[in-house]
Amino acid sequence: MNWHKVPEREIKKLFHQGYDFSPEDIKELRQDIRVGVQNIVRRWDKLQKEKERVAKLFHYERELYENGFRLIAGVDEAGRGPLAGPVVAGAVILPRECFIPGLNDSKKISESKRYHLAEEIKKKAVAWSVGAVGAYDIDRLNILQATCLAMKRAIKNLSIQPEYLLIDAVYLREVSIPQTAIIKGDAQCASIAAASILAKCHRDNLMKIYDSRFPGYGFARHKGYPTTEHFNYLLHNGETSIHRKTFKGVIKE
């Protein structure tokens, strides 16, 4: 194709529409002296690198696909460390080799980007859900057992039963579904990364609601984590009903 005869705006339009440029197309476009075309080529190169990065995150899923599994759910939590609020788990079944630009461990992503990715995940997922356990049960059970319960609730809430579970650092013995616990799975596995983003966004939204319910504690800012600001609020205002009474910093020693 004679790309040098195609207006820059048309090439840009094709790029944004996801046109599948062939290697020959890109080779020809690289030789185009127009500044706008070179900008498009650089953006195409960047997109290819991102596709390669995200594809590598699917290596756990890929092994399971090769062994006959199709519905693979990633499971992760958010909120084990805070002094207040629930622990929330996400469960996500992604389509095979799904490409979601920017998919990564939720802790490595800015808040605005997390919310954008959460919407993309929800649109593209075969199924997704969240499960939560509040402060009262965290104190009653302990944080590890509460985390496991939140994960089980998220799995149960899925509209489609998964055939296999990939879970961040936890093995759910009471769950009969085959599973693998992956240490730091949110940074290594696509499905777990997606679950971590949904869990984090859902929990942050809950903490914003609690911020209006308990004004003066700064929950919308620190999300219940043990920051200096949070400790100061506790010192002057005391604990709320969503504080974890068994956690150091809340409990009076």
C-alpha atoms as a PDB file:
ATOM      1  CA  MET A   1       0.000   0.000   0.000  1.00  0.00           C
ATOM      2  CA  ASN A   2       1.253   3.488  -0.816  1.00  0.00           C
ATOM      3  CA  TRP A   3       0.986   4.961   2.674  1.00  0.00           C
ATOM      4  CA  HIS A   4       2.795   8.132   1.647  1.00  0.00           C
ATOM      5  CA  LYS A   5      -0.311   9.010  -0.377  1.00  0.00           C
ATOM      6  CA  VAL A   6      -2.662   8.547   2.591  1.00  0.00           C
ATOM      7  CA  PRO A   7      -3.374  11.744   4.610  1.00  0.00           C
ATOM      8  CA  GLU A   8      -1.930  11.811   8.138  1.00  0.00           C
ATOM      9  CA  ARG A   9      -5.397  12.244   9.642  1.00  0.00           C
ATOM     10  CA  GLU A  10      -6.559   9.017   7.961  1.00  0.00           C
ATOM     11  CA  ILE A  11      -3.553   7.068   9.252  1.00  0.00           C
ATOM     12  CA  LYS A  12      -4.157   8.451  12.738  1.00  0.00           C
ATOM     13  CA  LYS A  13      -7.826   7.505  12.505  1.00  0.00           C
ATOM     14  CA  LEU A  14      -6.925   3.944  11.512  1.00  0.00           C
ATOM     15  CA  PHE A  15      -4.496   3.704  14.438  1.00  0.00           C
ATOM     16  CA  HIS A  16      -7.127   4.800  16.940  1.00  0.00           C
ATOM     17  CA  GLN A  17      -9.636   2.367  15.449  1.00  0.00           C
ATOM     18  CA  GLY A  18      -7.203  -0.492  16.108  1.00  0.00           C
ATOM     19  CA  TYR A  19      -6.263  -1.155  12.484  1.00  0.00           C
ATOM     20  CA  ASP A  20      -3.989  -4.202  12.198  1.00  0.00           C
ATOM     21  CA  PHE A  21      -0.923  -2.745  10.503  1.00  0.00           C
ATOM     22  CA  SER A  22       1.187  -5.461   8.887  1.00  0.00           C
ATOM     23  CA  PRO A  23       5.007  -5.578   9.270  1.00  0.00           C
ATOM     24  CA  GLU A  24       5.214  -4.309   5.694  1.00  0.00           C
ATOM     25  CA  ASP A  25       2.899  -1.422   6.540  1.00  0.00           C
ATOM     26  CA  ILE A  26       5.033  -0.384   9.518  1.00  0.00           C
ATOM     27  CA  LYS A  27       8.231  -0.709   7.489  1.00  0.00           C
ATOM     28  CA  GLU A  28       6.788   1.645   4.898  1.00  0.00           C
ATOM     29  CA  LEU A  29       5.458   4.076   7.495  1.00  0.00           C
ATOM     30  CA  ARG A  30       8.873   4.249   9.187  1.00  0.00           C
ATOM     31  CA  GLN A  31      10.261   5.656   5.950  1.00  0.00           C
ATOM     32  CA  ASP A  32       7.578   8.341   5.767  1.00  0.00           C
ATOM     33  CA  ILE A  33       9.149  11.755   6.482  1.00  0.00           C
ATOM     34  CA  ARG A  34       5.940  13.350   7.776  1.00  0.00           C
ATOM     35  CA  VAL A  35       6.231  14.277  11.467  1.00  0.00           C
ATOM     36  CA  GLY A  36       2.682  13.196  12.249  1.00  0.00           C
ATOM     37  CA  VAL A  37       3.246   9.769  10.718  1.00  0.00           C
ATOM     38  CA  GLN A  38       6.445   9.278  12.729  1.00  0.00           C
ATOM     39  CA  ASN A  39       4.518  10.142  15.890  1.00  0.00           C
ATOM     40  CA  ILE A  40       1.996   7.449  15.015  1.00  0.00           C
ATOM     41  CA  VAL A  41       4.798   4.927  14.432  1.00  0.00           C
ATOM     42  CA  ARG A  42       6.301   5.716  17.841  1.00  0.00           C
ATOM     43  CA  ARG A  43       2.904   5.233  19.466  1.00  0.00           C
ATOM     44  CA  TRP A  44       2.513   1.947  17.587  1.00  0.00           C
ATOM     45  CA  ASP A  45       5.906   0.784  18.885  1.00  0.00           C
ATOM     46  CA  LYS A  46       4.905   1.703  22.429  1.00  0.00           C
ATOM     47  CA  LEU A  47       1.625  -0.171  22.045  1.00  0.00           C
ATOM     48  CA  GLN A  48       3.444  -3.311  20.858  1.00  0.00           C
ATOM     49  CA  LYS A  49       5.712  -3.226  23.916  1.00  0.00           C
ATOM     50  CA  GLU A  50       2.657  -2.885  26.158  1.00  0.00           C
ATOM     51  CA  LYS A  51       0.970  -5.829  24.415  1.00  0.00           C
ATOM     52  CA  GLU A  52       4.098  -7.924  24.998  1.00  0.00           C
ATOM     53  CA  ARG A  53       4.204  -6.920  28.681  1.00  0.00           C
ATOM     54  CA  VAL A  54       0.552  -7.756  29.275  1.00  0.00           C
ATOM     55  CA  ALA A  55       0.866 -11.020  27.317  1.00  0.00           C
ATOM     56  CA  LYS A  56       3.619 -12.128  29.717  1.00  0.00           C
ATOM     57  CA  LEU A  57       1.204 -11.629  32.620  1.00  0.00           C
ATOM     58  CA  PHE A  58      -0.939 -14.413  31.160  1.00  0.00           C
ATOM     59  CA  HIS A  59       1.703 -17.131  31.486  1.00  0.00           C
ATOM     60  CA  TYR A  60      -0.039 -18.803  34.461  1.00  0.00           C
ATOM     61  CA  GLU A  61      -3.362 -18.738  32.629  1.00  0.00           C
ATOM     62  CA  ARG A  62      -1.704 -19.962  29.446  1.00  0.00           C
ATOM     63  CA  GLU A  63      -0.388 -23.079  31.184  1.00  0.00           C
ATOM     64  CA  LEU A  64      -3.859 -23.810  32.510  1.00  0.00           C
ATOM     65  CA  TYR A  65      -5.451 -23.289  29.083  1.00  0.00           C
ATOM     66  CA  GLU A  66      -3.018 -25.857  27.703  1.00  0.00           C
ATOM     67  CA  ASN A  67      -4.206 -28.287  30.383  1.00  0.00           C
ATOM     68  CA  GLY A  68      -7.844 -27.907  29.394  1.00  0.00           C
ATOM     69  CA  PHE A  69      -9.052 -25.248  31.829  1.00  0.00           C
ATOM     70  CA  ARG A  70     -11.096 -22.413  30.343  1.00  0.00           C
ATOM     71  CA  LEU A  71     -12.719 -20.449  33.164  1.00  0.00           C
ATOM     72  CA  ILE A  72      -9.830 -19.256  35.314  1.00  0.00           C
ATOM     73  CA  ALA A  73     -10.497 -16.767  38.096  1.00  0.00           C
ATOM     74  CA  GLY A  74      -7.896 -14.506  39.627  1.00  0.00           C
ATOM     75  CA  VAL A  75      -8.510 -13.621  43.278  1.00  0.00           C
ATOM     76  CA  ASP A  76      -6.896 -10.897  45.400  1.00  0.00           C
ATOM     77  CA  GLU A  77      -7.652  -8.678  48.366  1.00  0.00           C
ATOM     78  CA  ALA A  78      -7.292  -5.074  49.434  1.00  0.00           C
ATOM     79  CA  GLY A  79      -7.254  -3.754  52.962  1.00  0.00           C
ATOM     80  CA  ARG A  80      -5.399  -6.212  55.183  1.00  0.00           C
ATOM     81  CA  GLY A  81      -3.229  -3.483  56.706  1.00  0.00           C
ATOM     82  CA  PRO A  82      -5.619  -0.616  57.582  1.00  0.00           C
ATOM     83  CA  LEU A  83      -6.810   0.184  61.087  1.00  0.00           C
ATOM     84  CA  ALA A  84     -10.363   0.781  59.883  1.00  0.00           C
ATOM     85  CA  GLY A  85     -12.812  -0.408  57.284  1.00  0.00           C
ATOM     86  CA  PRO A  86     -13.404  -3.784  55.639  1.00  0.00           C
ATOM     87  CA  VAL A  87     -11.066  -6.158  53.900  1.00  0.00           C
ATOM     88  CA  VAL A  88     -12.313  -6.565  50.315  1.00  0.00           C
ATOM     89  CA  ALA A  89     -11.567  -9.318  47.798  1.00  0.00           C
ATOM     90  CA  GLY A  90     -12.019  -9.285  44.037  1.00  0.00           C
ATOM     91  CA  ALA A  91     -12.519 -12.249  41.715  1.00  0.00           C
ATOM     92  CA  VAL A  92     -12.164 -11.913  37.936  1.00  0.00           C
ATOM     93  CA  ILE A  93     -12.445 -14.332  35.021  1.00  0.00           C
ATOM     94  CA  LEU A  94     -10.802 -12.751  31.970  1.00  0.00           C
ATOM     95  CA  PRO A  95     -11.233 -13.904  28.359  1.00  0.00           C
ATOM     96  CA  ARG A  96      -8.300 -15.822  26.923  1.00  0.00           C
ATOM     97  CA  GLU A  97      -5.346 -13.530  26.115  1.00  0.00           C
ATOM     98  CA  CYS A  98      -7.403 -10.440  26.891  1.00  0.00           C
ATOM     99  CA  PHE A  99      -5.511  -7.189  26.279  1.00  0.00           C
ATOM    100  CA  ILE A 100      -6.128  -4.446  28.826  1.00  0.00           C
ATOM    101  CA  PRO A 101      -3.507  -1.680  28.395  1.00  0.00           C
ATOM    102  CA  GLY A 102      -1.942  -0.703  31.715  1.00  0.00           C
ATOM    103  CA  LEU A 103      -3.010  -3.853  33.574  1.00  0.00           C
ATOM    104  CA  ASN A 104      -0.743  -4.243  36.595  1.00  0.00           C
ATOM    105  CA  ASP A 105      -0.553  -4.634  40.350  1.00  0.00           C
ATOM    106  CA  SER A 106      -3.030  -2.087  41.774  1.00  0.00           C
ATOM    107  CA  LYS A 107      -0.337  -0.727  44.116  1.00  0.00           C
ATOM    108  CA  LYS A 108       1.738   0.342  41.105  1.00  0.00           C
ATOM    109  CA  ILE A 109      -1.075   2.336  39.498  1.00  0.00           C
ATOM    110  CA  SER A 110      -2.329   5.847  40.264  1.00  0.00           C
ATOM    111  CA  GLU A 111      -5.834   6.193  41.689  1.00  0.00           C
ATOM    112  CA  SER A 112      -7.296   7.755  38.527  1.00  0.00           C
ATOM    113  CA  LYS A 113      -5.763   5.042  36.340  1.00  0.00           C
ATOM    114  CA  ARG A 114      -7.056   2.317  38.682  1.00  0.00           C
ATOM    115  CA  TYR A 115     -10.630   3.518  38.251  1.00  0.00           C
ATOM    116  CA  HIS A 116     -10.214   3.653  34.472  1.00  0.00           C
ATOM    117  CA  LEU A 117      -8.787   0.125  34.441  1.00  0.00           C
ATOM    118  CA  ALA A 118     -11.557  -1.119  36.727  1.00  0.00           C
ATOM    119  CA  GLU A 119     -14.141  -0.054  34.145  1.00  0.00           C
ATOM    120  CA  GLU A 120     -12.173  -1.749  31.342  1.00  0.00           C
ATOM    121  CA  ILE A 121     -11.894  -4.948  33.381  1.00  0.00           C
ATOM    122  CA  LYS A 122     -15.627  -4.992  34.094  1.00  0.00           C
ATOM    123  CA  LYS A 123     -16.414  -4.479  30.392  1.00  0.00           C
ATOM    124  CA  LYS A 124     -14.070  -7.190  29.143  1.00  0.00           C
ATOM    125  CA  ALA A 125     -14.324  -9.789  31.912  1.00  0.00           C
ATOM    126  CA  VAL A 126     -16.292 -12.996  31.429  1.00  0.00           C
ATOM    127  CA  ALA A 127     -17.358 -12.508  35.054  1.00  0.00           C
ATOM    128  CA  TRP A 128     -16.273 -10.403  38.024  1.00  0.00           C
ATOM    129  CA  SER A 129     -17.336  -9.866  41.612  1.00  0.00           C
ATOM    130  CA  VAL A 130     -16.245  -8.578  45.016  1.00  0.00           C
ATOM    131  CA  GLY A 131     -16.684  -9.800  48.568  1.00  0.00           C
ATOM    132  CA  ALA A 132     -16.119  -7.924  51.828  1.00  0.00           C
ATOM    133  CA  VAL A 133     -15.712  -8.602  55.545  1.00  0.00           C
ATOM    134  CA  GLY A 134     -16.198  -5.749  58.005  1.00  0.00           C
ATOM    135  CA  ALA A 135     -14.251  -4.659  61.065  1.00  0.00           C
ATOM    136  CA  TYR A 136     -16.403  -6.578  63.568  1.00  0.00           C
ATOM    137  CA  ASP A 137     -15.713  -9.908  61.859  1.00  0.00           C
ATOM    138  CA  ILE A 138     -12.062  -9.031  61.308  1.00  0.00           C
ATOM    139  CA  ASP A 139     -11.727  -8.637  65.089  1.00  0.00           C
ATOM    140  CA  ARG A 140     -13.725 -11.813  65.692  1.00  0.00           C
ATOM    141  CA  LEU A 141     -11.876 -14.017  63.207  1.00  0.00           C
ATOM    142  CA  ASN A 142      -8.423 -12.346  62.790  1.00  0.00           C
ATOM    143  CA  ILE A 143      -7.319 -10.646  59.579  1.00  0.00           C
ATOM    144  CA  LEU A 144      -6.076 -13.777  57.779  1.00  0.00           C
ATOM    145  CA  GLN A 145      -9.322 -15.680  58.295  1.00  0.00           C
ATOM    146  CA  ALA A 146     -11.332 -12.576  57.399  1.00  0.00           C
ATOM    147  CA  THR A 147      -9.321 -12.226  54.187  1.00  0.00           C
ATOM    148  CA  CYS A 148     -10.037 -15.842  53.284  1.00  0.00           C
ATOM    149  CA  LEU A 149     -13.737 -15.287  53.983  1.00  0.00           C
ATOM    150  CA  ALA A 150     -13.806 -12.195  51.747  1.00  0.00           C
ATOM    151  CA  MET A 151     -12.149 -14.221  48.976  1.00  0.00           C
ATOM    152  CA  LYS A 152     -14.666 -17.046  49.347  1.00  0.00           C
ATOM    153  CA  ARG A 153     -17.503 -14.542  49.171  1.00  0.00           C
ATOM    154  CA  ALA A 154     -16.063 -12.989  46.000  1.00  0.00           C
ATOM    155  CA  ILE A 155     -15.738 -16.420  44.369  1.00  0.00           C
ATOM    156  CA  LYS A 156     -19.289 -17.360  45.389  1.00  0.00           C
ATOM    157  CA  ASN A 157     -20.601 -14.070  43.968  1.00  0.00           C
ATOM    158  CA  LEU A 158     -19.244 -14.800  40.481  1.00  0.00           C
ATOM    159  CA  SER A 159     -22.039 -15.272  37.958  1.00  0.00           C
ATOM    160  CA  ILE A 160     -20.088 -18.153  36.385  1.00  0.00           C
ATOM    161  CA  GLN A 161     -18.427 -20.893  38.406  1.00  0.00           C
ATOM    162  CA  PRO A 162     -14.665 -20.929  37.710  1.00  0.00           C
ATOM    163  CA  GLU A 163     -12.824 -24.133  36.873  1.00  0.00           C
ATOM    164  CA  TYR A 164      -9.566 -22.998  38.452  1.00  0.00           C
ATOM    165  CA  LEU A 165      -8.421 -20.303  40.896  1.00  0.00           C
ATOM    166  CA  LEU A 166      -5.217 -18.258  40.848  1.00  0.00           C
ATOM    167  CA  ILE A 167      -4.961 -16.586  44.251  1.00  0.00           C
ATOM    168  CA  ASP A 168      -2.542 -14.031  45.592  1.00  0.00           C
ATOM    169  CA  ALA A 169      -0.497 -15.697  48.365  1.00  0.00           C
ATOM    170  CA  VAL A 170      -3.436 -17.589  49.936  1.00  0.00           C
ATOM    171  CA  TYR A 171      -4.649 -21.182  49.590  1.00  0.00           C
ATOM    172  CA  LEU A 172      -8.345 -21.642  50.399  1.00  0.00           C
ATOM    173  CA  ARG A 173      -8.531 -25.126  51.897  1.00  0.00           C
ATOM    174  CA  GLU A 174     -12.310 -25.042  52.305  1.00  0.00           C
ATOM    175  CA  VAL A 175     -12.845 -24.355  48.597  1.00  0.00           C
ATOM    176  CA  SER A 176     -13.072 -27.457  46.388  1.00  0.00           C
ATOM    177  CA  ILE A 177     -12.086 -25.664  43.163  1.00  0.00           C
ATOM    178  CA  PRO A 178      -8.513 -26.488  42.017  1.00  0.00           C
ATOM    179  CA  GLN A 179      -6.229 -23.581  42.851  1.00  0.00           C
ATOM    180  CA  THR A 180      -2.716 -22.206  42.986  1.00  0.00           C
ATOM    181  CA  ALA A 181      -1.442 -19.647  45.480  1.00  0.00           C
ATOM    182  CA  ILE A 182       1.059 -17.262  43.894  1.00  0.00           C
ATOM    183  CA  ILE A 183       3.317 -15.097  46.042  1.00  0.00           C
ATOM    184  CA  LYS A 184       3.097 -11.496  44.782  1.00  0.00           C
ATOM    185  CA  GLY A 185       0.620 -12.759  42.217  1.00  0.00           C
ATOM    186  CA  ASP A 186      -0.801  -9.285  41.604  1.00  0.00           C
ATOM    187  CA  ALA A 187       2.505  -8.349  39.925  1.00  0.00           C
ATOM    188  CA  GLN A 188       2.917 -11.614  38.007  1.00  0.00           C
ATOM    189  CA  CYS A 189      -0.522 -12.811  36.927  1.00  0.00           C
ATOM    190  CA  ALA A 190      -3.058 -10.984  34.742  1.00  0.00           C
ATOM    191  CA  SER A 191      -6.190 -12.341  36.430  1.00  0.00           C
ATOM    192  CA  ILE A 192      -4.891 -11.618  39.926  1.00  0.00           C
ATOM    193  CA  ALA A 193      -3.822  -8.109  38.873  1.00  0.00           C
ATOM    194  CA  ALA A 194      -7.336  -7.477  37.566  1.00  0.00           C
ATOM    195  CA  ALA A 195      -8.827  -8.753  40.832  1.00  0.00           C
ATOM    196  CA  SER A 196      -6.506  -6.525  42.857  1.00  0.00           C
ATOM    197  CA  ILE A 197      -7.683  -3.446  40.932  1.00  0.00           C
ATOM    198  CA  LEU A 198     -11.379  -4.217  41.455  1.00  0.00           C
ATOM    199  CA  ALA A 199     -10.844  -4.951  45.150  1.00  0.00           C
ATOM    200  CA  LYS A 200      -8.855  -1.762  45.696  1.00  0.00           C
ATOM    201  CA  CYS A 201     -11.343   0.482  43.846  1.00  0.00           C
ATOM    202  CA  HIS A 202     -14.328  -1.047  45.627  1.00  0.00           C
ATOM    203  CA  ARG A 203     -12.702  -0.633  49.040  1.00  0.00           C
ATOM    204  CA  ASP A 204     -11.625   2.954  48.314  1.00  0.00           C
ATOM    205  CA  ASN A 205     -15.195   3.792  47.336  1.00  0.00           C
ATOM    206  CA  LEU A 206     -16.454   2.334  50.606  1.00  0.00           C
ATOM    207  CA  MET A 207     -13.947   4.409  52.570  1.00  0.00           C
ATOM    208  CA  LYS A 208     -15.168   7.549  50.802  1.00  0.00           C
ATOM    209  CA  ILE A 209     -18.682   6.702  51.954  1.00  0.00           C
ATOM    210  CA  TYR A 210     -17.398   6.198  55.497  1.00  0.00           C
ATOM    211  CA  ASP A 211     -15.666   9.575  55.248  1.00  0.00           C
ATOM    212  CA  SER A 212     -19.059  11.272  54.992  1.00  0.00           C
ATOM    213  CA  ARG A 213     -20.513   9.051  57.699  1.00  0.00           C
ATOM    214  CA  PHE A 214     -17.656   9.761  60.101  1.00  0.00           C
ATOM    215  CA  PRO A 215     -16.512  13.319  59.275  1.00  0.00           C
ATOM    216  CA  GLY A 216     -13.229  14.458  60.719  1.00  0.00           C
ATOM    217  CA  TYR A 217     -11.342  11.161  60.385  1.00  0.00           C
ATOM    218  CA  GLY A 218      -9.970  11.673  56.876  1.00  0.00           C
ATOM    219  CA  PHE A 219     -11.034   8.246  55.619  1.00  0.00           C
ATOM    220  CA  ALA A 220     -11.301   9.509  52.015  1.00  0.00           C
ATOM    221  CA  ARG A 221      -7.614  10.433  52.117  1.00  0.00           C
ATOM    222  CA  HIS A 222      -5.835   7.717  54.078  1.00  0.00           C
ATOM    223  CA  LYS A 223      -8.441   4.979  53.469  1.00  0.00           C
ATOM    224  CA  GLY A 224      -8.040   3.743  57.034  1.00  0.00           C
ATOM    225  CA  TYR A 225      -4.327   2.978  56.778  1.00  0.00           C
ATOM    226  CA  PRO A 226      -2.043   3.737  59.762  1.00  0.00           C
ATOM    227  CA  THR A 227      -0.818   7.175  58.729  1.00  0.00           C
ATOM    228  CA  THR A 228       0.283   9.930  61.077  1.00  0.00           C
ATOM    229  CA  GLU A 229      -2.896  11.809  60.187  1.00  0.00           C
ATOM    230  CA  HIS A 230      -5.028   8.808  61.107  1.00  0.00           C
ATOM    231  CA  PHE A 231      -3.255   8.292  64.435  1.00  0.00           C
ATOM    232  CA  ASN A 232      -3.841  11.953  65.291  1.00  0.00           C
ATOM    233  CA  TYR A 233      -7.555  11.610  64.579  1.00  0.00           C
ATOM    234  CA  LEU A 234      -7.715   8.515  66.763  1.00  0.00           C
ATOM    235  CA  LEU A 235      -5.889  10.285  69.580  1.00  0.00           C
ATOM    236  CA  HIS A 236      -8.254  13.262  69.592  1.00  0.00           C
ATOM    237  CA  ASN A 237     -11.550  11.712  68.484  1.00  0.00           C
ATOM    238  CA  GLY A 238     -11.342   8.077  69.575  1.00  0.00           C
ATOM    239  CA  GLU A 239     -12.331   5.016  67.552  1.00  0.00           C
ATOM    240  CA  THR A 240     -15.403   4.563  65.359  1.00  0.00           C
ATOM    241  CA  SER A 241     -17.547   1.501  64.728  1.00  0.00           C
ATOM    242  CA  ILE A 242     -15.501   0.680  61.617  1.00  0.00           C
ATOM    243  CA  HIS A 243     -12.169   0.620  63.469  1.00  0.00           C
ATOM    244  CA  ARG A 244     -10.528  -2.746  64.041  1.00  0.00           C
ATOM    245  CA  LYS A 245     -10.384  -2.928  67.820  1.00  0.00           C
ATOM    246  CA  THR A 246      -7.733  -5.685  67.883  1.00  0.00           C
ATOM    247  CA  PHE A 247      -5.229  -3.760  65.735  1.00  0.00           C
ATOM    248  CA  LYS A 248      -2.218  -2.055  67.268  1.00  0.00           C
ATOM    249  CA  GLY A 249      -2.784   1.674  67.133  1.00  0.00           C
ATOM    250  CA  VAL A 250      -6.508   1.307  67.822  1.00  0.00           C
ATOM    251  CA  ILE A 251      -6.347  -0.871  70.914  1.00  0.00           C
ATOM    252  CA  LYS A 252      -5.287   0.994  74.041  1.00  0.00           C
ATOM    253  CA  GLU A 253      -2.157  -0.580  75.510  1.00  0.00           C
END
